Structures are given as C-alpha cells and as structure tokens.
C-alpha cells in the first residue's frame, strides 16, 4: 500500500528542465538561499507568482463612464516627485551590487 501511495504522489509531480547560463543560475541560487529555499522551491514560487500576475493583469473589469474617466485621468497624470520615489530610483538593484 505504501508503494502505491508513493507512485501516486510521484505521478502528481512533473519534471520541468531549463537551460540557463551559469550567471543566471548563480543569481537564482543566491536569491533562493536568502529565503532559505532550494533552487526548485524558489523557481516554482517565482514562476507561480509570475503566472498569477500575468493572468490577473489580463483580467477584465467594468467601470461606469465617470469612474472610467477618473481612472484614465489617474493613469495620465504625472507622478508627483517625492523623497521615497527619489530614494527608490537612486537605489541599485540587488543584482547590480
């Protein structure tokens, strides 16, 4: 019975192979280690999040004419400069350090 359970569990998991340059693998490994995860866990979490974000970004939503106008106005309005935005733009990305 235990052997059948293991076979069923293995059948639920599929293998995905990726070819990546060593530099990218090293970056992924550093990021995974920083979160206490292994490469597979990190890549699966990151891929799942990217897939969810992609699908959510393509979701439809409805607005009445007034709200749609306000929505467009906010999209078209320039960002107001502020200290937090300036600090963010001045900070190097983690992979650049």
N, C-alpha and C. Protein backbone atom coordinates (compact mmCIF):
# COMPACT_ATOMS: atom_id res chain seq x y z
N UNK A 1 0.82 -1.20 0.00
CA UNK A 1 0.00 0.00 0.00
C UNK A 1 0.86 1.25 0.00
N UNK A 2 1.96 1.25 0.74
CA UNK A 2 2.85 2.40 0.79
C UNK A 2 3.48 2.66 -0.57
N UNK A 3 3.88 1.60 -1.27
CA UNK A 3 4.49 1.75 -2.59
C UNK A 3 3.50 2.38 -3.57
N UNK A 4 2.25 1.99 -3.51
CA UNK A 4 1.23 2.57 -4.39
C UNK A 4 1.04 4.05 -4.09
N UNK A 5 1.08 4.41 -2.81
CA UNK A 5 0.94 5.81 -2.43
C UNK A 5 2.09 6.64 -2.99
N UNK A 6 3.31 6.14 -2.89
CA UNK A 6 4.48 6.85 -3.42
C UNK A 6 4.38 7.02 -4.92
N UNK A 7 3.90 5.98 -5.62
CA UNK A 7 3.75 6.06 -7.07
C UNK A 7 2.71 7.12 -7.45
N UNK A 8 1.61 7.16 -6.71
CA UNK A 8 0.57 8.17 -6.97
C UNK A 8 1.12 9.58 -6.72
N UNK A 9 1.89 9.74 -5.63
CA UNK A 9 2.48 11.05 -5.31
C UNK A 9 3.45 11.48 -6.39
N UNK A 10 4.28 10.56 -6.88
CA UNK A 10 5.24 10.88 -7.93
C UNK A 10 4.52 11.25 -9.23
N UNK A 11 3.41 10.62 -9.50
CA UNK A 11 2.67 10.91 -10.73
C UNK A 11 2.06 12.31 -10.71
N UNK A 12 1.85 12.86 -9.54
CA UNK A 12 1.26 14.20 -9.42
C UNK A 12 2.27 15.30 -9.67
N UNK A 13 3.55 14.97 -9.68
CA UNK A 13 4.60 15.97 -9.85
C UNK A 13 5.27 15.74 -11.20
N UNK A 14 5.43 16.79 -11.98
CA UNK A 14 6.05 16.70 -13.29
C UNK A 14 7.41 17.36 -13.27
N UNK A 15 8.29 16.91 -14.12
CA UNK A 15 9.63 17.46 -14.23
C UNK A 15 9.66 18.52 -15.32
N UNK A 16 10.26 19.66 -15.01
CA UNK A 16 10.49 20.73 -15.99
C UNK A 16 11.98 20.99 -16.02
N UNK A 17 12.57 20.89 -17.20
CA UNK A 17 14.01 21.14 -17.35
C UNK A 17 14.22 22.50 -18.00
N UNK A 18 15.18 23.24 -17.50
CA UNK A 18 15.52 24.55 -18.06
C UNK A 18 17.02 24.61 -18.30
N UNK A 19 17.41 25.24 -19.36
CA UNK A 19 18.82 25.51 -19.60
C UNK A 19 19.04 26.99 -19.32
N UNK A 20 19.94 27.28 -18.41
CA UNK A 20 20.22 28.66 -18.05
C UNK A 20 21.73 28.90 -18.02
N UNK A 21 22.13 30.11 -18.31
CA UNK A 21 23.55 30.43 -18.20
C UNK A 21 23.98 30.35 -16.73
N UNK A 22 25.24 30.02 -16.49
CA UNK A 22 25.73 29.92 -15.11
C UNK A 22 25.47 31.17 -14.28
N UNK A 23 25.59 32.33 -14.90
CA UNK A 23 25.37 33.58 -14.16
C UNK A 23 23.94 33.67 -13.64
N UNK A 24 22.97 33.27 -14.47
CA UNK A 24 21.57 33.29 -14.04
C UNK A 24 21.33 32.25 -12.95
N UNK A 25 21.92 31.05 -13.10
CA UNK A 25 21.77 30.02 -12.08
C UNK A 25 22.33 30.50 -10.75
N UNK A 26 23.48 31.15 -10.79
CA UNK A 26 24.09 31.66 -9.55
C UNK A 26 23.21 32.72 -8.90
N UNK A 27 22.63 33.59 -9.70
CA UNK A 27 21.73 34.62 -9.18
C UNK A 27 20.52 33.97 -8.52
N UNK A 28 19.94 32.98 -9.19
CA UNK A 28 18.78 32.27 -8.64
C UNK A 28 19.15 31.57 -7.34
N UNK A 29 20.32 30.93 -7.33
CA UNK A 29 20.76 30.23 -6.12
C UNK A 29 20.96 31.19 -4.96
N UNK A 30 21.54 32.36 -5.22
CA UNK A 30 21.73 33.35 -4.15
C UNK A 30 20.40 33.83 -3.60
N UNK A 31 19.46 34.09 -4.50
CA UNK A 31 18.14 34.55 -4.07
C UNK A 31 17.43 33.47 -3.27
N UNK A 32 17.49 32.23 -3.75
CA UNK A 32 16.85 31.12 -3.05
C UNK A 32 17.44 30.95 -1.66
N UNK A 33 18.77 31.00 -1.58
CA UNK A 33 19.43 30.84 -0.29
C UNK A 33 19.02 31.95 0.67
N UNK A 34 18.86 33.17 0.15
CA UNK A 34 18.49 34.28 1.03
C UNK A 34 17.11 34.09 1.65
N UNK A 35 16.27 33.27 1.00
CA UNK A 35 14.94 32.98 1.53
C UNK A 35 14.86 31.64 2.23
N UNK A 36 16.00 30.94 2.32
CA UNK A 36 16.00 29.63 2.96
C UNK A 36 15.32 28.56 2.12
N UNK A 37 15.37 28.71 0.81
CA UNK A 37 14.73 27.76 -0.10
C UNK A 37 15.80 27.12 -0.98
N UNK A 38 15.45 25.99 -1.57
CA UNK A 38 16.34 25.43 -2.58
C UNK A 38 15.95 26.01 -3.94
N UNK A 39 16.77 25.72 -4.93
CA UNK A 39 16.55 26.30 -6.27
C UNK A 39 15.16 25.93 -6.81
N UNK A 40 14.78 24.68 -6.67
CA UNK A 40 13.48 24.25 -7.21
C UNK A 40 12.32 24.97 -6.53
N UNK A 41 12.36 25.05 -5.21
CA UNK A 41 11.30 25.75 -4.48
C UNK A 41 11.22 27.21 -4.91
N UNK A 42 12.39 27.85 -4.99
CA UNK A 42 12.42 29.26 -5.37
C UNK A 42 11.87 29.47 -6.78
N UNK A 43 12.32 28.65 -7.71
CA UNK A 43 11.88 28.80 -9.10
C UNK A 43 10.40 28.51 -9.26
N UNK A 44 9.90 27.51 -8.53
CA UNK A 44 8.48 27.20 -8.61
C UNK A 44 7.65 28.35 -8.03
N UNK A 45 8.06 28.88 -6.88
CA UNK A 45 7.34 30.01 -6.28
C UNK A 45 7.36 31.23 -7.21
N UNK A 46 8.53 31.54 -7.76
CA UNK A 46 8.66 32.71 -8.63
C UNK A 46 7.85 32.52 -9.91
N UNK A 47 7.88 31.32 -10.47
CA UNK A 47 7.13 31.04 -11.70
C UNK A 47 5.63 31.10 -11.46
N UNK A 48 5.21 30.52 -10.33
CA UNK A 48 3.79 30.56 -9.99
C UNK A 48 3.31 32.00 -9.82
N UNK A 49 4.11 32.81 -9.10
CA UNK A 49 3.73 34.20 -8.89
C UNK A 49 3.67 34.96 -10.21
N UNK A 50 4.64 34.74 -11.08
CA UNK A 50 4.65 35.40 -12.39
C UNK A 50 3.44 34.98 -13.22
N UNK A 51 3.09 33.71 -13.17
CA UNK A 51 1.93 33.22 -13.92
C UNK A 51 0.64 33.85 -13.39
N UNK A 52 0.50 33.90 -12.06
CA UNK A 52 -0.69 34.52 -11.48
C UNK A 52 -0.77 36.00 -11.83
N UNK A 53 0.35 36.71 -11.73
CA UNK A 53 0.37 38.13 -12.07
C UNK A 53 0.00 38.36 -13.52
N UNK A 54 0.54 37.53 -14.40
CA UNK A 54 0.25 37.66 -15.83
C UNK A 54 -1.23 37.48 -16.09
N UNK A 55 -1.81 36.46 -15.50
CA UNK A 55 -3.23 36.21 -15.72
C UNK A 55 -4.11 37.27 -15.08
N UNK A 56 -3.73 37.73 -13.89
CA UNK A 56 -4.52 38.78 -13.24
C UNK A 56 -4.44 40.09 -14.01
N UNK A 57 -3.27 40.38 -14.60
CA UNK A 57 -3.13 41.61 -15.39
C UNK A 57 -4.02 41.60 -16.63
N UNK A 58 -4.43 40.44 -17.04
CA UNK A 58 -5.26 40.33 -18.24
C UNK A 58 -6.74 40.18 -17.91
N UNK A 59 -7.08 40.34 -16.63
CA UNK A 59 -8.47 40.23 -16.23
C UNK A 59 -9.25 41.46 -16.69
N UNK A 60 -10.49 41.25 -16.95
CA UNK A 60 -11.37 42.34 -17.36
C UNK A 60 -12.07 42.92 -16.13
N UNK A 61 -12.30 44.20 -16.17
CA UNK A 61 -13.11 44.81 -15.13
C UNK A 61 -13.95 45.90 -15.78
N UNK A 62 -15.07 46.20 -15.19
CA UNK A 62 -16.00 47.17 -15.76
C UNK A 62 -16.11 48.39 -14.85
N UNK A 63 -16.18 49.55 -15.50
CA UNK A 63 -16.38 50.80 -14.79
C UNK A 63 -17.44 51.60 -15.52
N UNK A 64 -18.22 52.38 -14.76
CA UNK A 64 -19.17 53.26 -15.43
C UNK A 64 -18.36 54.42 -16.04
N UNK A 65 -19.00 55.25 -16.82
CA UNK A 65 -18.31 56.31 -17.57
C UNK A 65 -17.55 57.26 -16.65
N UNK A 66 -18.15 57.67 -15.54
CA UNK A 66 -17.49 58.59 -14.61
C UNK A 66 -16.23 57.97 -13.99
N UNK A 67 -16.38 56.77 -13.53
CA UNK A 67 -15.22 56.10 -12.92
C UNK A 67 -14.13 55.80 -13.94
N UNK A 68 -14.53 55.46 -15.17
CA UNK A 68 -13.54 55.21 -16.21
C UNK A 68 -12.77 56.49 -16.53
N UNK A 69 -13.46 57.62 -16.57
CA UNK A 69 -12.80 58.90 -16.80
C UNK A 69 -11.80 59.21 -15.70
N UNK A 70 -12.18 58.96 -14.46
CA UNK A 70 -11.28 59.20 -13.33
C UNK A 70 -10.09 58.24 -13.39
N UNK A 71 -10.34 57.02 -13.78
CA UNK A 71 -9.27 56.03 -13.92
C UNK A 71 -8.27 56.48 -14.98
N UNK A 72 -8.74 56.91 -16.13
CA UNK A 72 -7.85 57.39 -17.19
C UNK A 72 -7.08 58.63 -16.75
N UNK A 73 -7.73 59.51 -16.03
CA UNK A 73 -7.04 60.72 -15.56
C UNK A 73 -5.89 60.35 -14.63
N UNK A 74 -6.10 59.38 -13.77
CA UNK A 74 -5.01 58.96 -12.88
C UNK A 74 -3.88 58.31 -13.65
N UNK A 75 -4.21 57.53 -14.67
CA UNK A 75 -3.17 56.90 -15.47
C UNK A 75 -2.35 57.94 -16.24
N UNK A 76 -3.02 58.99 -16.69
CA UNK A 76 -2.35 60.01 -17.50
C UNK A 76 -1.61 61.05 -16.66
N UNK A 77 -1.94 61.16 -15.40
CA UNK A 77 -1.32 62.18 -14.55
C UNK A 77 0.14 61.82 -14.27
N UNK A 78 1.03 62.81 -14.32
CA UNK A 78 2.44 62.51 -13.99
C UNK A 78 2.59 62.21 -12.50
N UNK A 79 3.60 61.41 -12.20
CA UNK A 79 3.87 61.11 -10.80
C UNK A 79 4.41 62.35 -10.11
N UNK A 80 3.95 62.58 -8.91
CA UNK A 80 4.47 63.69 -8.13
C UNK A 80 5.78 63.26 -7.49
N UNK A 81 6.87 63.99 -7.75
CA UNK A 81 8.15 63.61 -7.14
C UNK A 81 8.05 63.69 -5.62
N UNK A 82 8.68 62.74 -4.97
CA UNK A 82 8.71 62.75 -3.52
C UNK A 82 9.99 62.06 -3.06
N UNK A 83 10.29 62.18 -1.81
CA UNK A 83 11.56 61.66 -1.27
C UNK A 83 11.64 60.14 -1.42
N UNK A 84 10.56 59.44 -1.18
CA UNK A 84 10.60 57.98 -1.29
C UNK A 84 10.85 57.53 -2.72
N UNK A 85 10.22 58.21 -3.69
CA UNK A 85 10.43 57.86 -5.09
C UNK A 85 11.88 58.15 -5.50
N UNK A 86 12.41 59.30 -5.09
CA UNK A 86 13.81 59.62 -5.41
C UNK A 86 14.76 58.59 -4.80
N UNK A 87 14.50 58.17 -3.56
CA UNK A 87 15.35 57.18 -2.90
C UNK A 87 15.27 55.83 -3.63
N UNK A 88 14.08 55.45 -4.03
CA UNK A 88 13.91 54.20 -4.75
C UNK A 88 14.69 54.21 -6.06
N UNK A 89 14.57 55.28 -6.81
CA UNK A 89 15.25 55.36 -8.10
C UNK A 89 16.77 55.47 -7.96
N UNK A 90 17.24 55.92 -6.82
CA UNK A 90 18.68 56.05 -6.59
C UNK A 90 19.29 54.78 -6.02
N UNK A 91 18.47 53.82 -5.63
CA UNK A 91 18.97 52.58 -5.03
C UNK A 91 19.28 51.57 -6.12
N UNK A 92 20.51 51.01 -6.12
CA UNK A 92 20.84 49.99 -7.12
C UNK A 92 20.04 48.72 -6.87
N UNK A 93 19.73 48.03 -7.95
CA UNK A 93 19.02 46.76 -7.83
C UNK A 93 19.92 45.74 -7.14
N UNK A 94 19.34 44.79 -6.42
CA UNK A 94 20.16 43.80 -5.69
C UNK A 94 21.15 43.06 -6.58
N UNK A 95 20.78 42.78 -7.83
CA UNK A 95 21.68 42.04 -8.72
C UNK A 95 22.78 42.92 -9.31
N UNK A 96 22.72 44.22 -9.06
CA UNK A 96 23.76 45.14 -9.54
C UNK A 96 24.82 45.38 -8.50
N UNK A 97 24.64 44.92 -7.28
CA UNK A 97 25.61 45.18 -6.22
C UNK A 97 26.55 44.01 -6.06
